N, C-alpha and C. Protein backbone atom coordinates (compact mmCIF):
# COMPACT_ATOMS: atom_id res chain seq x y z
N MET A 1 10.37 3.35 -28.73
CA MET A 1 9.34 3.74 -29.69
C MET A 1 9.33 5.26 -29.78
N LYS A 2 9.39 5.77 -30.99
CA LYS A 2 9.40 7.21 -31.18
C LYS A 2 8.04 7.79 -30.86
N LYS A 3 8.05 8.91 -30.19
CA LYS A 3 6.79 9.59 -29.88
C LYS A 3 6.43 10.53 -31.02
N ALA A 4 5.17 10.47 -31.42
CA ALA A 4 4.70 11.33 -32.50
C ALA A 4 4.51 12.73 -31.96
N LEU A 5 4.93 13.71 -32.76
CA LEU A 5 4.76 15.11 -32.37
C LEU A 5 3.55 15.65 -33.11
N LEU A 6 2.51 16.00 -32.36
CA LEU A 6 1.27 16.49 -32.95
C LEU A 6 1.25 17.99 -32.88
N LEU A 7 1.08 18.62 -34.01
CA LEU A 7 1.03 20.08 -34.07
C LEU A 7 -0.38 20.50 -34.41
N PHE A 8 -0.90 21.40 -33.61
CA PHE A 8 -2.24 21.91 -33.84
C PHE A 8 -2.12 23.38 -34.23
N CYS A 9 -2.62 23.74 -35.40
CA CYS A 9 -2.56 25.12 -35.88
C CYS A 9 -3.97 25.66 -36.02
N ALA A 10 -4.25 26.73 -35.37
CA ALA A 10 -5.56 27.36 -35.50
C ALA A 10 -5.62 28.09 -36.83
N PRO A 11 -6.69 27.92 -37.59
CA PRO A 11 -6.80 28.59 -38.89
C PRO A 11 -6.90 30.10 -38.72
N LEU A 12 -6.26 30.80 -39.65
CA LEU A 12 -6.32 32.27 -39.66
C LEU A 12 -7.54 32.68 -40.47
N MET A 13 -8.46 33.33 -39.78
CA MET A 13 -9.70 33.73 -40.43
C MET A 13 -9.61 35.21 -40.81
N VAL A 14 -9.80 35.47 -42.08
CA VAL A 14 -9.72 36.85 -42.58
C VAL A 14 -11.08 37.25 -43.14
N LEU A 15 -11.64 38.29 -42.58
CA LEU A 15 -12.93 38.80 -43.05
C LEU A 15 -12.66 40.02 -43.92
N SER A 16 -13.19 40.00 -45.16
CA SER A 16 -12.97 41.12 -46.07
C SER A 16 -14.30 41.71 -46.51
N CYS A 17 -14.26 42.93 -46.77
CA CYS A 17 -15.46 43.62 -47.25
C CYS A 17 -15.02 44.61 -48.33
N THR A 18 -15.71 44.62 -49.42
CA THR A 18 -15.31 45.48 -50.54
C THR A 18 -15.54 46.95 -50.26
N GLU A 19 -16.43 47.28 -49.27
CA GLU A 19 -16.74 48.67 -49.01
C GLU A 19 -16.02 49.22 -47.78
N ARG A 20 -15.19 48.32 -47.06
CA ARG A 20 -14.45 48.84 -45.92
C ARG A 20 -13.10 48.14 -45.83
N LYS A 21 -12.29 48.58 -44.93
CA LYS A 21 -10.95 48.09 -44.72
C LYS A 21 -10.99 46.63 -44.28
N ALA A 22 -10.08 45.78 -44.80
CA ALA A 22 -10.02 44.38 -44.39
C ALA A 22 -9.58 44.27 -42.92
N GLU A 23 -10.22 43.38 -42.22
CA GLU A 23 -9.90 43.17 -40.80
C GLU A 23 -9.57 41.69 -40.58
N THR A 24 -8.63 41.41 -39.69
CA THR A 24 -8.26 40.04 -39.35
C THR A 24 -8.85 39.68 -38.01
N ALA A 25 -9.62 38.60 -38.00
CA ALA A 25 -10.26 38.18 -36.75
C ALA A 25 -9.23 37.54 -35.82
N ALA A 26 -9.43 37.69 -34.52
CA ALA A 26 -8.55 37.05 -33.52
C ALA A 26 -8.78 35.54 -33.53
N PRO A 27 -7.71 34.75 -33.30
CA PRO A 27 -7.87 33.29 -33.29
C PRO A 27 -8.90 32.85 -32.25
N ALA A 28 -9.69 31.87 -32.64
CA ALA A 28 -10.71 31.36 -31.71
C ALA A 28 -10.05 30.62 -30.56
N SER A 29 -10.63 30.71 -29.38
CA SER A 29 -10.09 30.03 -28.21
C SER A 29 -10.26 28.53 -28.35
N THR A 30 -9.18 27.78 -28.02
CA THR A 30 -9.24 26.32 -28.10
C THR A 30 -9.57 25.69 -26.75
N LYS A 31 -9.81 26.51 -25.73
CA LYS A 31 -10.11 25.99 -24.40
C LYS A 31 -11.50 25.38 -24.37
N ASP A 32 -11.59 24.16 -23.84
CA ASP A 32 -12.86 23.45 -23.72
C ASP A 32 -13.58 23.93 -22.46
N THR A 33 -14.70 24.63 -22.68
CA THR A 33 -15.45 25.16 -21.54
C THR A 33 -16.70 24.34 -21.25
N SER A 34 -16.79 23.15 -21.88
CA SER A 34 -17.99 22.33 -21.70
C SER A 34 -18.03 21.68 -20.32
N VAL A 35 -16.84 21.48 -19.70
CA VAL A 35 -16.78 20.85 -18.39
C VAL A 35 -16.21 21.85 -17.39
N THR A 36 -16.97 22.13 -16.38
CA THR A 36 -16.53 23.07 -15.35
C THR A 36 -16.29 22.30 -14.07
N GLU A 37 -15.06 22.40 -13.56
CA GLU A 37 -14.71 21.70 -12.33
C GLU A 37 -15.29 22.43 -11.13
N ALA A 38 -16.03 21.68 -10.34
CA ALA A 38 -16.67 22.28 -9.17
C ALA A 38 -15.61 22.67 -8.15
N PRO A 39 -15.71 23.85 -7.60
CA PRO A 39 -14.73 24.28 -6.60
C PRO A 39 -14.87 23.47 -5.32
N HIS A 40 -13.73 23.26 -4.64
CA HIS A 40 -13.74 22.53 -3.38
C HIS A 40 -14.27 23.45 -2.28
N VAL A 41 -15.33 23.02 -1.66
CA VAL A 41 -15.95 23.84 -0.62
C VAL A 41 -15.62 23.24 0.74
N LYS A 42 -14.97 24.01 1.57
CA LYS A 42 -14.63 23.53 2.90
C LYS A 42 -15.89 23.52 3.77
N PRO A 43 -16.02 22.49 4.62
CA PRO A 43 -17.20 22.42 5.48
C PRO A 43 -17.12 23.48 6.58
N ASP A 44 -18.26 23.73 7.20
CA ASP A 44 -18.26 24.66 8.32
C ASP A 44 -17.50 24.04 9.48
N SER A 45 -17.18 24.83 10.49
CA SER A 45 -16.32 24.38 11.57
C SER A 45 -16.91 23.20 12.34
N ALA A 46 -18.23 23.20 12.54
CA ALA A 46 -18.86 22.10 13.28
C ALA A 46 -18.75 20.79 12.51
N THR A 47 -18.99 20.84 11.20
CA THR A 47 -18.87 19.64 10.37
C THR A 47 -17.43 19.17 10.29
N ALA A 48 -16.50 20.13 10.17
CA ALA A 48 -15.08 19.79 10.11
C ALA A 48 -14.64 19.07 11.39
N MET A 49 -15.10 19.55 12.53
CA MET A 49 -14.75 18.92 13.80
C MET A 49 -15.33 17.51 13.89
N LYS A 50 -16.57 17.35 13.42
CA LYS A 50 -17.21 16.03 13.42
C LYS A 50 -16.45 15.05 12.53
N ASN A 51 -16.02 15.53 11.35
CA ASN A 51 -15.26 14.69 10.43
C ASN A 51 -13.92 14.27 11.04
N TRP A 52 -13.27 15.21 11.71
CA TRP A 52 -11.98 14.91 12.31
C TRP A 52 -12.13 13.90 13.45
N GLU A 53 -13.17 14.04 14.24
CA GLU A 53 -13.40 13.09 15.33
C GLU A 53 -13.63 11.68 14.78
N ALA A 54 -14.37 11.58 13.67
CA ALA A 54 -14.60 10.27 13.06
C ALA A 54 -13.30 9.67 12.53
N TYR A 55 -12.44 10.51 12.00
CA TYR A 55 -11.16 10.05 11.47
C TYR A 55 -10.24 9.57 12.59
N ALA A 56 -10.30 10.24 13.74
CA ALA A 56 -9.36 9.95 14.83
C ALA A 56 -9.85 8.91 15.83
N THR A 57 -11.11 8.53 15.77
CA THR A 57 -11.68 7.62 16.77
C THR A 57 -11.53 6.16 16.35
N PRO A 58 -10.89 5.32 17.19
CA PRO A 58 -10.77 3.89 16.86
C PRO A 58 -12.14 3.25 16.70
N GLY A 59 -12.25 2.37 15.70
CA GLY A 59 -13.52 1.69 15.43
C GLY A 59 -13.33 0.18 15.31
N ASP A 60 -14.17 -0.44 14.52
CA ASP A 60 -14.15 -1.90 14.39
C ASP A 60 -12.83 -2.43 13.84
N MET A 61 -12.24 -1.74 12.85
CA MET A 61 -10.99 -2.23 12.28
C MET A 61 -9.83 -2.09 13.26
N GLN A 62 -9.83 -1.04 14.06
CA GLN A 62 -8.80 -0.91 15.09
C GLN A 62 -9.00 -1.99 16.17
N LYS A 63 -10.25 -2.30 16.47
CA LYS A 63 -10.55 -3.36 17.42
C LYS A 63 -10.06 -4.70 16.89
N LEU A 64 -10.20 -4.90 15.57
CA LEU A 64 -9.69 -6.12 14.95
C LEU A 64 -8.19 -6.22 15.14
N MET A 65 -7.47 -5.13 14.91
CA MET A 65 -6.01 -5.16 15.06
C MET A 65 -5.61 -5.46 16.51
N SER A 66 -6.38 -4.95 17.46
CA SER A 66 -6.04 -5.19 18.87
C SER A 66 -6.19 -6.67 19.23
N SER A 67 -7.00 -7.41 18.46
CA SER A 67 -7.17 -8.84 18.73
C SER A 67 -5.91 -9.63 18.38
N TRP A 68 -4.95 -8.99 17.70
CA TRP A 68 -3.70 -9.67 17.36
C TRP A 68 -2.69 -9.58 18.50
N ASP A 69 -2.95 -8.81 19.52
CA ASP A 69 -1.98 -8.59 20.60
C ASP A 69 -1.53 -9.91 21.21
N GLY A 70 -0.25 -9.96 21.53
CA GLY A 70 0.29 -11.14 22.19
C GLY A 70 1.58 -11.59 21.54
N GLU A 71 2.12 -12.69 22.04
CA GLU A 71 3.35 -13.27 21.52
C GLU A 71 3.02 -14.46 20.63
N TRP A 72 3.60 -14.45 19.44
CA TRP A 72 3.34 -15.51 18.46
C TRP A 72 4.65 -16.22 18.12
N THR A 73 4.60 -17.52 18.01
CA THR A 73 5.75 -18.30 17.56
C THR A 73 5.37 -19.00 16.27
N GLY A 74 6.33 -19.10 15.37
CA GLY A 74 5.99 -19.69 14.08
C GLY A 74 7.16 -20.31 13.36
N GLU A 75 6.83 -21.00 12.27
CA GLU A 75 7.84 -21.58 11.38
C GLU A 75 7.82 -20.82 10.07
N CYS A 76 8.99 -20.36 9.67
CA CYS A 76 9.12 -19.60 8.43
C CYS A 76 9.69 -20.49 7.34
N SER A 77 9.05 -20.47 6.17
CA SER A 77 9.55 -21.15 4.98
C SER A 77 9.88 -20.09 3.94
N MET A 78 11.12 -20.10 3.44
CA MET A 78 11.53 -19.11 2.45
C MET A 78 12.08 -19.80 1.22
N TRP A 79 11.57 -19.39 0.05
CA TRP A 79 12.01 -19.95 -1.22
C TRP A 79 12.95 -18.97 -1.91
N MET A 80 14.20 -19.39 -2.13
CA MET A 80 15.15 -18.55 -2.85
C MET A 80 14.89 -18.58 -4.35
N SER A 81 14.27 -19.66 -4.82
CA SER A 81 13.81 -19.77 -6.21
C SER A 81 12.63 -20.72 -6.22
N PRO A 82 11.71 -20.56 -7.19
CA PRO A 82 10.48 -21.36 -7.20
C PRO A 82 10.71 -22.87 -7.23
N ASP A 83 11.81 -23.31 -7.85
CA ASP A 83 12.04 -24.75 -7.99
C ASP A 83 12.95 -25.31 -6.91
N ALA A 84 13.32 -24.48 -5.92
CA ALA A 84 14.20 -24.95 -4.84
C ALA A 84 13.38 -25.25 -3.59
N PRO A 85 13.84 -26.21 -2.78
CA PRO A 85 13.13 -26.48 -1.52
C PRO A 85 13.24 -25.28 -0.59
N PRO A 86 12.27 -25.07 0.28
CA PRO A 86 12.30 -23.89 1.14
C PRO A 86 13.31 -24.02 2.27
N MET A 87 13.86 -22.87 2.67
CA MET A 87 14.70 -22.81 3.85
C MET A 87 13.78 -22.54 5.04
N LYS A 88 13.92 -23.32 6.10
CA LYS A 88 13.01 -23.21 7.25
C LYS A 88 13.74 -22.67 8.47
N SER A 89 13.00 -21.89 9.26
CA SER A 89 13.56 -21.34 10.49
C SER A 89 12.41 -21.02 11.44
N GLN A 90 12.75 -20.77 12.70
CA GLN A 90 11.75 -20.44 13.71
C GLN A 90 11.70 -18.93 13.92
N THR A 91 10.52 -18.40 14.16
CA THR A 91 10.35 -16.96 14.35
C THR A 91 9.51 -16.68 15.59
N THR A 92 9.67 -15.48 16.11
CA THR A 92 8.86 -15.01 17.22
C THR A 92 8.41 -13.59 16.90
N ALA A 93 7.16 -13.29 17.19
CA ALA A 93 6.63 -11.94 16.95
C ALA A 93 5.79 -11.51 18.15
N VAL A 94 5.94 -10.26 18.55
CA VAL A 94 5.15 -9.69 19.63
C VAL A 94 4.34 -8.53 19.07
N TYR A 95 3.01 -8.64 19.14
CA TYR A 95 2.10 -7.61 18.66
C TYR A 95 1.51 -6.85 19.85
N LYS A 96 1.38 -5.54 19.69
CA LYS A 96 0.68 -4.74 20.70
C LYS A 96 0.10 -3.49 20.04
N THR A 97 -1.06 -3.08 20.52
CA THR A 97 -1.67 -1.85 20.02
C THR A 97 -1.06 -0.67 20.76
N ILE A 98 -0.91 0.44 20.04
CA ILE A 98 -0.29 1.63 20.61
C ILE A 98 -1.13 2.87 20.31
N LEU A 99 -0.81 3.96 20.98
CA LEU A 99 -1.46 5.26 20.78
C LEU A 99 -2.97 5.15 20.91
N GLY A 100 -3.39 4.62 22.06
CA GLY A 100 -4.82 4.57 22.35
C GLY A 100 -5.60 3.59 21.50
N GLY A 101 -4.94 2.50 21.08
CA GLY A 101 -5.63 1.49 20.29
C GLY A 101 -5.77 1.83 18.82
N ARG A 102 -4.98 2.79 18.32
CA ARG A 102 -5.12 3.22 16.93
C ARG A 102 -4.22 2.46 15.96
N TYR A 103 -3.14 1.89 16.43
CA TYR A 103 -2.18 1.24 15.55
C TYR A 103 -1.72 -0.08 16.16
N SER A 104 -1.29 -0.99 15.28
CA SER A 104 -0.73 -2.27 15.72
C SER A 104 0.76 -2.28 15.42
N GLU A 105 1.56 -2.45 16.45
CA GLU A 105 3.01 -2.50 16.31
C GLU A 105 3.47 -3.93 16.55
N SER A 106 4.38 -4.41 15.73
CA SER A 106 4.87 -5.78 15.88
C SER A 106 6.40 -5.81 15.78
N MET A 107 7.00 -6.60 16.66
CA MET A 107 8.45 -6.81 16.67
C MET A 107 8.72 -8.28 16.36
N HIS A 108 9.60 -8.53 15.39
CA HIS A 108 9.85 -9.88 14.90
C HIS A 108 11.33 -10.23 15.06
N THR A 109 11.60 -11.42 15.54
CA THR A 109 12.97 -11.91 15.66
C THR A 109 13.04 -13.34 15.16
N GLY A 110 14.24 -13.73 14.75
CA GLY A 110 14.42 -15.09 14.27
C GLY A 110 15.78 -15.25 13.66
N ASN A 111 15.89 -16.22 12.76
CA ASN A 111 17.15 -16.51 12.07
C ASN A 111 16.83 -16.65 10.59
N MET A 112 17.58 -15.94 9.78
CA MET A 112 17.32 -15.98 8.35
C MET A 112 18.64 -16.13 7.59
N MET A 113 18.73 -17.18 6.80
CA MET A 113 19.93 -17.47 6.02
C MET A 113 21.18 -17.49 6.90
N GLY A 114 21.03 -18.06 8.11
CA GLY A 114 22.16 -18.21 9.01
C GLY A 114 22.52 -16.96 9.78
N MET A 115 21.69 -15.91 9.66
CA MET A 115 21.98 -14.66 10.37
C MET A 115 20.81 -14.30 11.28
N ALA A 116 21.12 -13.62 12.37
CA ALA A 116 20.07 -13.15 13.28
C ALA A 116 19.21 -12.14 12.55
N PHE A 117 17.90 -12.31 12.70
CA PHE A 117 16.95 -11.43 11.98
C PHE A 117 16.13 -10.63 12.99
N GLU A 118 15.90 -9.36 12.66
CA GLU A 118 15.07 -8.49 13.48
C GLU A 118 14.29 -7.54 12.57
N GLY A 119 12.98 -7.46 12.79
CA GLY A 119 12.15 -6.58 11.96
C GLY A 119 11.05 -5.94 12.78
N LYS A 120 10.52 -4.86 12.25
CA LYS A 120 9.45 -4.13 12.94
C LYS A 120 8.38 -3.73 11.94
N GLY A 121 7.12 -4.02 12.30
CA GLY A 121 5.99 -3.64 11.45
C GLY A 121 5.07 -2.68 12.17
N LEU A 122 4.40 -1.85 11.39
CA LEU A 122 3.40 -0.93 11.93
C LEU A 122 2.20 -0.96 10.98
N THR A 123 1.04 -1.26 11.54
CA THR A 123 -0.17 -1.38 10.72
C THR A 123 -1.23 -0.41 11.21
N ALA A 124 -1.91 0.22 10.26
CA ALA A 124 -2.96 1.18 10.58
C ALA A 124 -4.16 0.93 9.70
N TYR A 125 -5.32 1.38 10.16
CA TYR A 125 -6.51 1.42 9.32
C TYR A 125 -6.92 2.88 9.21
N ASP A 126 -6.89 3.40 7.99
CA ASP A 126 -7.24 4.79 7.75
C ASP A 126 -8.75 4.91 7.67
N ASN A 127 -9.36 5.52 8.69
CA ASN A 127 -10.82 5.63 8.74
C ASN A 127 -11.39 6.43 7.58
N ALA A 128 -10.63 7.40 7.08
CA ALA A 128 -11.14 8.25 6.00
C ALA A 128 -11.06 7.55 4.65
N ARG A 129 -9.94 6.91 4.37
CA ARG A 129 -9.74 6.27 3.07
C ARG A 129 -10.23 4.83 3.04
N LYS A 130 -10.57 4.26 4.21
CA LYS A 130 -11.09 2.90 4.31
C LYS A 130 -10.10 1.86 3.79
N VAL A 131 -8.83 2.02 4.12
CA VAL A 131 -7.81 1.07 3.72
C VAL A 131 -6.86 0.80 4.88
N PHE A 132 -6.26 -0.39 4.86
CA PHE A 132 -5.19 -0.71 5.79
C PHE A 132 -3.87 -0.23 5.18
N GLN A 133 -2.98 0.23 6.05
CA GLN A 133 -1.65 0.65 5.63
C GLN A 133 -0.63 -0.06 6.51
N SER A 134 0.47 -0.45 5.91
CA SER A 134 1.48 -1.20 6.64
C SER A 134 2.87 -0.72 6.24
N THR A 135 3.74 -0.56 7.24
CA THR A 135 5.15 -0.27 6.97
C THR A 135 6.00 -1.37 7.59
N TRP A 136 7.15 -1.62 6.98
CA TRP A 136 8.03 -2.68 7.45
C TRP A 136 9.49 -2.25 7.32
N ILE A 137 10.27 -2.48 8.39
CA ILE A 137 11.72 -2.26 8.35
C ILE A 137 12.38 -3.47 9.01
N ASP A 138 13.60 -3.79 8.58
CA ASP A 138 14.34 -4.89 9.22
C ASP A 138 15.83 -4.67 9.04
N ASN A 139 16.61 -5.56 9.67
CA ASN A 139 18.06 -5.42 9.62
C ASN A 139 18.68 -6.05 8.38
N MET A 140 17.83 -6.43 7.41
CA MET A 140 18.32 -6.95 6.13
C MET A 140 18.29 -5.89 5.04
N GLY A 141 18.00 -4.66 5.40
CA GLY A 141 17.96 -3.58 4.43
C GLY A 141 18.02 -2.23 5.13
N THR A 142 17.82 -1.15 4.36
CA THR A 142 17.87 0.19 4.93
C THR A 142 16.67 1.04 4.51
N GLY A 143 15.73 0.44 3.81
CA GLY A 143 14.55 1.18 3.35
C GLY A 143 13.29 0.77 4.10
N ILE A 144 12.20 1.42 3.75
CA ILE A 144 10.89 1.15 4.35
C ILE A 144 9.97 0.60 3.27
N MET A 145 9.39 -0.56 3.51
CA MET A 145 8.40 -1.11 2.59
C MET A 145 7.02 -0.63 3.03
N ILE A 146 6.27 -0.06 2.10
CA ILE A 146 4.95 0.50 2.39
C ILE A 146 3.91 -0.24 1.56
N LEU A 147 2.90 -0.80 2.25
CA LEU A 147 1.86 -1.56 1.58
C LEU A 147 0.49 -1.02 1.97
N GLU A 148 -0.49 -1.26 1.10
CA GLU A 148 -1.88 -0.89 1.39
C GLU A 148 -2.80 -2.01 0.94
N GLY A 149 -3.96 -2.11 1.60
CA GLY A 149 -4.89 -3.14 1.17
C GLY A 149 -6.17 -3.17 1.96
N LYS A 150 -6.91 -4.26 1.79
CA LYS A 150 -8.25 -4.38 2.36
C LYS A 150 -8.39 -5.66 3.19
N TRP A 151 -9.29 -5.59 4.15
CA TRP A 151 -9.65 -6.75 4.96
C TRP A 151 -10.83 -7.44 4.30
N ASP A 152 -10.76 -8.77 4.19
CA ASP A 152 -11.85 -9.56 3.62
C ASP A 152 -12.45 -10.40 4.74
N GLU A 153 -13.65 -10.05 5.17
CA GLU A 153 -14.26 -10.71 6.32
C GLU A 153 -14.58 -12.18 6.07
N PRO A 154 -15.14 -12.55 4.90
CA PRO A 154 -15.46 -13.98 4.69
C PRO A 154 -14.26 -14.91 4.85
N SER A 155 -13.08 -14.48 4.38
CA SER A 155 -11.89 -15.34 4.47
C SER A 155 -11.02 -14.99 5.67
N HIS A 156 -11.43 -13.98 6.46
CA HIS A 156 -10.65 -13.53 7.62
C HIS A 156 -9.20 -13.28 7.22
N SER A 157 -9.02 -12.50 6.16
CA SER A 157 -7.67 -12.26 5.66
C SER A 157 -7.47 -10.80 5.27
N LEU A 158 -6.24 -10.37 5.39
CA LEU A 158 -5.83 -9.02 5.01
C LEU A 158 -4.85 -9.14 3.85
N THR A 159 -5.18 -8.50 2.72
CA THR A 159 -4.31 -8.54 1.54
C THR A 159 -3.74 -7.15 1.30
N LEU A 160 -2.41 -7.06 1.31
CA LEU A 160 -1.71 -5.79 1.15
C LEU A 160 -0.80 -5.88 -0.07
N SER A 161 -0.64 -4.77 -0.77
CA SER A 161 0.23 -4.76 -1.94
C SER A 161 1.00 -3.45 -2.01
N GLY A 162 2.11 -3.51 -2.72
CA GLY A 162 2.96 -2.33 -2.88
C GLY A 162 4.21 -2.71 -3.65
N LYS A 163 5.31 -2.04 -3.34
CA LYS A 163 6.58 -2.31 -4.02
C LYS A 163 7.69 -2.53 -3.01
N MET A 164 8.69 -3.29 -3.42
CA MET A 164 9.84 -3.58 -2.57
C MET A 164 11.11 -3.44 -3.39
N VAL A 165 12.13 -2.85 -2.78
CA VAL A 165 13.42 -2.71 -3.46
C VAL A 165 14.08 -4.07 -3.61
N THR A 166 14.56 -4.37 -4.79
CA THR A 166 15.32 -5.61 -5.02
C THR A 166 16.78 -5.28 -4.79
N GLY A 167 17.21 -5.41 -3.53
CA GLY A 167 18.55 -4.99 -3.15
C GLY A 167 19.67 -5.67 -3.89
N ASP A 168 19.42 -6.90 -4.39
CA ASP A 168 20.48 -7.63 -5.08
C ASP A 168 20.86 -6.98 -6.40
N MET A 169 19.99 -6.14 -6.96
CA MET A 169 20.29 -5.48 -8.23
C MET A 169 21.28 -4.33 -8.05
N GLY A 170 21.24 -3.70 -6.88
CA GLY A 170 22.18 -2.62 -6.60
C GLY A 170 21.87 -1.30 -7.27
N ASP A 171 20.71 -1.19 -7.95
CA ASP A 171 20.41 0.05 -8.67
C ASP A 171 19.12 0.71 -8.17
N GLY A 172 18.57 0.23 -7.05
CA GLY A 172 17.35 0.83 -6.52
C GLY A 172 16.09 0.40 -7.22
N SER A 173 16.17 -0.59 -8.10
CA SER A 173 14.97 -1.05 -8.80
C SER A 173 14.02 -1.73 -7.82
N GLN A 174 12.73 -1.71 -8.17
CA GLN A 174 11.69 -2.25 -7.31
C GLN A 174 10.87 -3.31 -8.04
N THR A 175 10.21 -4.13 -7.25
CA THR A 175 9.29 -5.13 -7.81
C THR A 175 7.98 -5.07 -7.05
N ASP A 176 6.90 -5.45 -7.71
CA ASP A 176 5.59 -5.50 -7.06
C ASP A 176 5.57 -6.64 -6.05
N VAL A 177 4.98 -6.38 -4.88
CA VAL A 177 4.87 -7.41 -3.86
C VAL A 177 3.45 -7.46 -3.32
N LYS A 178 3.07 -8.62 -2.81
CA LYS A 178 1.76 -8.80 -2.19
C LYS A 178 1.94 -9.61 -0.92
N GLU A 179 1.27 -9.18 0.14
CA GLU A 179 1.32 -9.88 1.41
C GLU A 179 -0.11 -10.26 1.81
N VAL A 180 -0.31 -11.51 2.15
CA VAL A 180 -1.62 -12.00 2.58
C VAL A 180 -1.48 -12.57 3.98
N ILE A 181 -2.28 -12.03 4.92
CA ILE A 181 -2.28 -12.53 6.29
C ILE A 181 -3.67 -13.11 6.55
N ARG A 182 -3.72 -14.40 6.82
CA ARG A 182 -4.99 -15.10 7.03
C ARG A 182 -5.05 -15.65 8.45
N PHE A 183 -6.19 -15.45 9.09
CA PHE A 183 -6.40 -15.96 10.44
C PHE A 183 -7.35 -17.15 10.39
N ASP A 184 -6.79 -18.35 10.57
CA ASP A 184 -7.61 -19.56 10.55
C ASP A 184 -8.53 -19.61 11.76
N ASP A 185 -8.06 -19.07 12.88
CA ASP A 185 -8.86 -18.88 14.08
C ASP A 185 -8.13 -17.81 14.90
N PRO A 186 -8.67 -17.35 16.03
CA PRO A 186 -8.04 -16.26 16.76
C PRO A 186 -6.59 -16.49 17.16
N ASP A 187 -6.15 -17.76 17.27
CA ASP A 187 -4.80 -18.04 17.76
C ASP A 187 -3.87 -18.64 16.71
N HIS A 188 -4.29 -18.65 15.43
CA HIS A 188 -3.45 -19.21 14.37
C HIS A 188 -3.53 -18.29 13.15
N GLN A 189 -2.38 -17.92 12.64
CA GLN A 189 -2.33 -17.08 11.45
C GLN A 189 -1.30 -17.61 10.46
N VAL A 190 -1.53 -17.31 9.17
CA VAL A 190 -0.61 -17.67 8.10
C VAL A 190 -0.30 -16.41 7.30
N MET A 191 0.97 -16.09 7.18
CA MET A 191 1.40 -14.96 6.36
C MET A 191 2.11 -15.48 5.12
N GLU A 192 1.69 -14.99 3.95
CA GLU A 192 2.31 -15.38 2.69
C GLU A 192 2.78 -14.13 1.96
N MET A 193 3.98 -14.22 1.41
CA MET A 193 4.56 -13.09 0.67
C MET A 193 4.82 -13.52 -0.77
N TYR A 194 4.41 -12.66 -1.71
CA TYR A 194 4.60 -12.93 -3.13
C TYR A 194 5.32 -11.75 -3.78
N TYR A 195 6.07 -12.03 -4.86
CA TYR A 195 6.69 -10.97 -5.65
C TYR A 195 6.42 -11.22 -7.13
N SER A 196 6.60 -10.20 -7.91
CA SER A 196 6.34 -10.30 -9.35
C SER A 196 7.64 -10.55 -10.10
N ASP A 197 7.66 -11.59 -10.91
CA ASP A 197 8.82 -11.93 -11.74
C ASP A 197 8.38 -11.95 -13.19
N ASN A 198 8.69 -10.87 -13.92
CA ASN A 198 8.26 -10.75 -15.32
C ASN A 198 6.75 -10.94 -15.47
N GLY A 199 6.01 -10.34 -14.55
CA GLY A 199 4.56 -10.38 -14.61
C GLY A 199 3.95 -11.62 -13.98
N LYS A 200 4.77 -12.56 -13.53
CA LYS A 200 4.26 -13.78 -12.90
C LYS A 200 4.40 -13.66 -11.39
N GLU A 201 3.34 -14.00 -10.66
CA GLU A 201 3.36 -13.92 -9.21
C GLU A 201 4.05 -15.17 -8.64
N VAL A 202 5.07 -14.93 -7.81
CA VAL A 202 5.87 -16.01 -7.25
C VAL A 202 5.84 -15.93 -5.72
N LYS A 203 5.59 -17.05 -5.07
CA LYS A 203 5.57 -17.09 -3.61
C LYS A 203 7.00 -17.18 -3.09
N SER A 204 7.36 -16.28 -2.17
CA SER A 204 8.72 -16.26 -1.65
C SER A 204 8.80 -16.63 -0.18
N MET A 205 7.71 -16.48 0.57
CA MET A 205 7.78 -16.73 2.01
C MET A 205 6.42 -17.14 2.55
N GLU A 206 6.47 -17.97 3.58
CA GLU A 206 5.27 -18.33 4.32
C GLU A 206 5.65 -18.49 5.79
N ILE A 207 4.87 -17.89 6.68
CA ILE A 207 5.09 -18.04 8.12
C ILE A 207 3.77 -18.49 8.75
N ARG A 208 3.81 -19.65 9.38
CA ARG A 208 2.64 -20.18 10.09
C ARG A 208 2.88 -19.98 11.59
N SER A 209 2.02 -19.19 12.21
CA SER A 209 2.25 -18.79 13.60
C SER A 209 1.10 -19.19 14.50
N GLU A 210 1.43 -19.38 15.77
CA GLU A 210 0.45 -19.70 16.79
C GLU A 210 0.67 -18.76 17.98
N ARG A 211 -0.42 -18.25 18.52
CA ARG A 211 -0.29 -17.36 19.68
C ARG A 211 0.12 -18.17 20.91
N LYS A 212 1.09 -17.64 21.62
CA LYS A 212 1.61 -18.32 22.79
C LYS A 212 0.64 -18.15 23.96
N LYS A 213 0.33 -19.27 24.62
CA LYS A 213 -0.57 -19.23 25.77
C LYS A 213 0.22 -18.89 27.03
N HIS A 214 -0.38 -18.08 27.87
CA HIS A 214 0.27 -17.70 29.13
C HIS A 214 -0.53 -18.25 30.31
């Protein structure tokens, strides 16, 4: 679609007087001064320190993540296409909180499409922005998937969204993805992964896991 080129020309105002020399007025300013952006004011040192302590101190959401600690075993179902039966495999994941209870680190192993699978996740709750953040890497690619989202207390679920490289295209193109992790009870979780196909949300993976008792 061709973009329209809009040209704005300020009118030339000429003031004339029969008893004196003609003068040309300067063009009027087109700058909109009706809205003035308030300057960013830095807090005093005591307030800044208080804000930083609140940002760095683990709270309820970090405590929630620590409740995931332990070894989980599960069954993975993966759909290569919506109309195909899922490929099933067994998975193992070990969750542990790190850096003073601020982050949740998880190591995942299993078998995927006949190959040994290994992946690593890192989840954080940003106290300042009030959002969960998640990164994911595995031996099936070379990039980092970054997701953000919110915890929903009534459903005991975490919904994260972002983008993922579609490696099969070979051109670095990405697709929208959504990950939903639901805890049916403290020892059972369900992870579902969805991707966008021409604007339609398609389920690609489901892992049902149980915490291993020791």
